[in-house]
Amino acid sequence: MTWIKYIPFEEATGRLKAIYDKYKRANDTIANIITAHSIRPHMLEGHMAFYRSVIGHGSNELPLWFLEAVGVYVSAINKCGYCIEHHSHFGGLAYDGTNENWANMTETLLDDCPEKAFDGKYLVLLGYAKALTVDPSLLNENDIANLRAAGADDGEILEVNQVTGYFSYANRTVLGLGITLANEVHAH
């Protein structure tokens, strides 16, 4: 599950149990990325606050399925199978089209060919997410002007910036601690 010590859901007490109860799935399981933080509950709370502010927050304007697609793309670039699996699944649940369309979009992201399934503003925002993931020092004000020219407003740019930052963080958490999908069951 992870290379470091952790406290399983069934053994949690006190503050950690309260946190686990807050973030448990409908099927009474907890994601391994959450469990990996268990020996430092304050870090778990910080992680989840960041996650919940960038993915699925009611004030975001970009659709959840697209924010999940950004997460899948960043995770594919970083080769983080754990996050690819989770967010391919959850993005499919959020997508308002067919599962076949979502599967096609996911495949293009995994193959680093988003232009095969995305266009316009969405494609340009994915390009920004890639640049931010691969070499953020190369970005400049012209990149933001290009995003605006493609129809993205500054709030949408900020949303993609923060989702990219979150997934870069989560990918490093997963990869750096050896977090696996062992014993995880998705809740719908």
Protein backbone atom coordinates (compact mmCIF):
# COMPACT_ATOMS: atom_id res chain seq x y z
CA MET A 1 0.00 0.00 0.00
CA THR A 2 2.85 2.41 0.88
CA TRP A 3 6.51 2.13 1.82
CA ILE A 4 6.03 4.02 5.10
CA LYS A 5 4.14 3.18 8.27
CA TYR A 6 0.41 3.94 8.18
CA ILE A 7 -2.66 3.44 10.32
CA PRO A 8 -5.38 1.37 8.64
CA PHE A 9 -8.95 2.66 8.59
CA GLU A 10 -10.07 -0.06 11.03
CA GLU A 11 -7.40 0.90 13.61
CA ALA A 12 -7.82 4.68 13.54
CA THR A 13 -8.81 6.47 16.74
CA GLY A 14 -9.38 10.03 17.90
CA ARG A 15 -8.61 12.83 15.45
CA LEU A 16 -7.49 10.44 12.70
CA LYS A 17 -10.72 8.42 12.94
CA ALA A 18 -12.74 11.63 12.66
CA ILE A 19 -10.78 12.62 9.55
CA TYR A 20 -11.15 9.16 8.03
CA ASP A 21 -14.89 9.25 8.71
CA LYS A 22 -15.08 12.63 6.98
CA TYR A 23 -13.33 11.38 3.83
CA LYS A 24 -14.45 7.76 3.64
CA ARG A 25 -16.25 6.61 0.54
CA ALA A 26 -19.85 5.47 0.39
CA ASN A 27 -18.61 1.86 0.61
CA ASP A 28 -16.77 2.61 3.90
CA THR A 29 -13.30 2.48 2.37
CA ILE A 30 -10.58 5.08 2.28
CA ALA A 31 -8.22 5.80 -0.62
CA ASN A 32 -4.65 4.67 -0.05
CA ILE A 33 -3.35 8.19 -0.75
CA ILE A 34 -5.34 9.32 2.31
CA THR A 35 -4.13 6.45 4.48
CA ALA A 36 -0.52 7.24 3.55
CA HIS A 37 -0.85 10.54 5.47
CA SER A 38 -2.21 8.85 8.61
CA ILE A 39 0.86 9.31 10.81
CA ARG A 40 0.57 13.09 10.30
CA PRO A 41 -3.17 13.93 10.35
CA HIS A 42 -2.49 17.65 9.95
CA MET A 43 -0.84 16.90 6.58
CA LEU A 44 -3.84 14.80 5.58
CA GLU A 45 -6.14 17.72 6.34
CA GLY A 46 -3.95 20.05 4.26
CA HIS A 47 -3.88 17.62 1.37
CA MET A 48 -7.64 17.22 1.36
CA ALA A 49 -8.27 20.97 1.65
CA PHE A 50 -6.11 21.52 -1.44
CA TYR A 51 -7.78 18.66 -3.33
CA ARG A 52 -11.31 19.77 -2.53
CA SER A 53 -10.61 23.37 -3.51
CA VAL A 54 -9.38 22.44 -6.99
CA ILE A 55 -11.44 19.37 -7.92
CA GLY A 56 -15.20 19.45 -7.66
CA HIS A 57 -15.57 22.73 -5.80
CA GLY A 58 -18.90 24.35 -6.58
CA SER A 59 -17.26 27.68 -7.44
CA ASN A 60 -15.16 26.25 -10.27
CA GLU A 61 -16.43 27.23 -13.71
CA LEU A 62 -14.73 24.60 -15.84
CA PRO A 63 -16.67 21.32 -15.91
CA LEU A 64 -15.52 18.64 -13.47
CA TRP A 65 -14.86 16.15 -16.28
CA PHE A 66 -12.37 18.58 -17.85
CA LEU A 67 -10.59 19.22 -14.55
CA GLU A 68 -10.36 15.43 -14.15
CA ALA A 69 -8.95 15.25 -17.70
CA VAL A 70 -6.27 17.77 -16.72
CA GLY A 71 -5.45 15.56 -13.74
CA VAL A 72 -5.23 12.45 -15.92
CA TYR A 73 -2.96 14.29 -18.37
CA VAL A 74 -0.61 15.59 -15.67
CA SER A 75 -0.54 12.12 -14.11
CA ALA A 76 0.23 10.53 -17.50
CA ILE A 77 3.11 12.96 -18.05
CA ASN A 78 4.42 12.11 -14.56
CA LYS A 79 3.78 8.37 -15.10
CA CYS A 80 1.63 8.06 -11.98
CA GLY A 81 -0.56 5.00 -12.55
CA TYR A 82 -2.35 5.40 -9.22
CA CYS A 83 -3.72 8.86 -10.08
CA ILE A 84 -4.41 7.86 -13.69
CA GLU A 85 -6.56 4.97 -12.45
CA HIS A 86 -8.46 7.05 -9.90
CA HIS A 87 -9.13 10.05 -12.07
CA SER A 88 -9.86 8.14 -15.26
CA HIS A 89 -12.57 6.42 -13.22
CA PHE A 90 -13.95 9.53 -11.53
CA GLY A 91 -13.68 11.67 -14.66
CA GLY A 92 -15.79 9.09 -16.48
CA LEU A 93 -18.43 9.42 -13.80
CA ALA A 94 -18.42 13.22 -14.18
CA TYR A 95 -18.42 13.27 -17.99
CA ASP A 96 -21.79 14.17 -19.43
CA GLY A 97 -21.24 12.32 -22.70
CA THR A 98 -20.85 8.62 -23.35
CA ASN A 99 -18.35 6.35 -21.64
CA GLU A 100 -16.92 5.64 -25.08
CA ASN A 101 -16.18 9.35 -25.60
CA TRP A 102 -14.56 9.58 -22.15
CA ALA A 103 -12.49 6.46 -22.82
CA ASN A 104 -11.33 7.98 -26.12
CA MET A 105 -10.40 11.25 -24.42
CA THR A 106 -8.50 9.40 -21.70
CA GLU A 107 -6.62 7.33 -24.26
CA THR A 108 -5.50 10.44 -26.14
CA LEU A 109 -4.20 11.94 -22.90
CA LEU A 110 -2.29 8.76 -22.02
CA ASP A 111 -0.78 8.78 -25.53
CA ASP A 112 0.11 12.48 -25.23
CA CYS A 113 -2.09 13.28 -28.24
CA PRO A 114 -4.86 15.43 -26.76
CA GLU A 115 -5.44 17.10 -30.14
CA LYS A 116 -7.17 13.88 -31.25
CA ALA A 117 -10.05 14.43 -28.79
CA PHE A 118 -9.90 18.06 -27.65
CA ASP A 119 -9.96 21.37 -29.48
CA GLY A 120 -10.25 25.10 -28.91
CA LYS A 121 -9.93 26.39 -25.39
CA TYR A 122 -9.72 22.90 -23.88
CA LEU A 123 -6.81 21.88 -26.08
CA VAL A 124 -4.89 25.07 -25.36
CA LEU A 125 -5.51 24.68 -21.61
CA LEU A 126 -4.17 21.11 -21.79
CA GLY A 127 -1.06 22.46 -23.54
CA TYR A 128 -0.62 24.91 -20.68
CA ALA A 129 -0.98 22.08 -18.14
CA LYS A 130 1.69 20.11 -19.98
CA ALA A 131 4.11 23.04 -20.10
CA LEU A 132 3.49 23.72 -16.41
CA THR A 133 4.20 20.08 -15.61
CA VAL A 134 7.26 19.56 -17.81
CA ASP A 135 9.15 22.86 -17.49
CA PRO A 136 7.28 25.70 -15.80
CA SER A 137 10.29 28.02 -16.02
CA LEU A 138 9.68 28.34 -19.78
CA LEU A 139 6.21 29.85 -19.32
CA ASN A 140 5.78 33.60 -19.74
CA GLU A 141 3.08 36.22 -20.07
CA ASN A 142 2.61 35.42 -23.77
CA ASP A 143 1.43 31.94 -22.78
CA ILE A 144 -1.35 33.48 -20.72
CA ALA A 145 -2.23 35.83 -23.62
CA ASN A 146 -2.50 32.76 -25.89
CA LEU A 147 -4.86 31.10 -23.40
CA ARG A 148 -7.03 34.21 -23.36
CA ALA A 149 -7.00 34.38 -27.17
CA ALA A 150 -8.29 30.78 -27.23
CA GLY A 151 -11.25 31.83 -25.07
CA ALA A 152 -10.05 30.98 -21.55
CA ASP A 153 -10.74 33.61 -18.94
CA ASP A 154 -8.38 34.28 -16.05
CA GLY A 155 -10.47 32.24 -13.60
CA GLU A 156 -10.34 29.22 -15.89
CA ILE A 157 -6.58 29.68 -16.30
CA LEU A 158 -6.24 29.75 -12.51
CA GLU A 159 -8.35 26.59 -12.19
CA VAL A 160 -6.12 24.67 -14.63
CA ASN A 161 -3.00 26.09 -12.96
CA GLN A 162 -4.15 24.86 -9.56
CA VAL A 163 -5.36 21.46 -10.79
CA THR A 164 -1.99 20.99 -12.49
CA GLY A 165 -0.21 22.01 -9.30
CA TYR A 166 -2.34 19.68 -7.20
CA PHE A 167 -1.73 16.68 -9.45
CA SER A 168 1.98 17.39 -9.63
CA TYR A 169 1.97 17.34 -5.81
CA ALA A 170 -0.24 14.23 -5.59
CA ASN A 171 1.85 12.36 -8.18
CA ARG A 172 5.00 13.06 -6.19
CA THR A 173 3.28 11.97 -2.98
CA VAL A 174 2.19 8.69 -4.58
CA LEU A 175 5.42 7.96 -6.44
CA GLY A 176 7.69 9.09 -3.61
CA LEU A 177 5.93 6.99 -0.96
CA GLY A 178 5.21 3.93 -3.09
CA ILE A 179 1.44 4.23 -2.75
CA THR A 180 -0.32 1.47 -4.70
CA LEU A 181 -3.88 0.54 -5.59
CA ALA A 182 -3.68 -2.60 -3.40
CA ASN A 183 -7.06 -3.35 -1.81
CA GLU A 184 -8.76 -0.23 -3.19
CA VAL A 185 -12.36 -0.45 -4.31
CA HIS A 186 -13.91 2.50 -6.13
CA ALA A 187 -17.18 3.77 -4.75
CA HIS A 188 -19.62 5.20 -7.29
